[in-house]
Amino acid sequence: MGCPFCDPNVIKEQTFFESENFYCFYNIRPLFPGHSLIIPKKHFKSFLELEDSTAKEFIRVLKKISKTLVKVYKATGMDLAIQDGKDAGASVEHFHIHLIPRKKGDIEGDATGWFGKIIDDEIKIKTISEKEVKENIDLIKRHLSD
């Protein structure tokens, strides 16, 4: 099986924004509503492989999408997570960042416990339906501004 982030069907079904060098996907196994990914169009295994100009574009896209997700999901915080490489825990060996909108009280106890939630709940997190992915993509697209 090839890289899911390079699969044209995945790109078509999960993309809600694209720039010259990046796609933004809605995560099919969201930890919280709005959980999205930014993925380079070119297959890079590590952030360190990005050209400087592409890394600058990445930051611009990250800022734009973060602002949009905060607005759409009425978030009061945002987790940004990169597991850069297999040894860092990346489940897909194609560089990507998780953008996870957060709200007060969205997890019991200490808000920093979200990483434990990932580890504890990884098996329990359900893949959402294509309809749910599409609904979230449409919602985000309606709020994207230049």
Foldseek 3Di string as FASTA:
>chain_A
DDFLLQDPVQQVLFFLDDDPFWTKGQDQQAPAPPKIKIFGNDFDQFPVPDDPVVVVVVVVVVVQLLVLSCVLVVAPDWDKDWQRHVVSPDPTRGGMIIIHGHHPPPDPDDPVCVVVCCVVCVVVRDRHDSVVSVVSSVSSNVRRDD
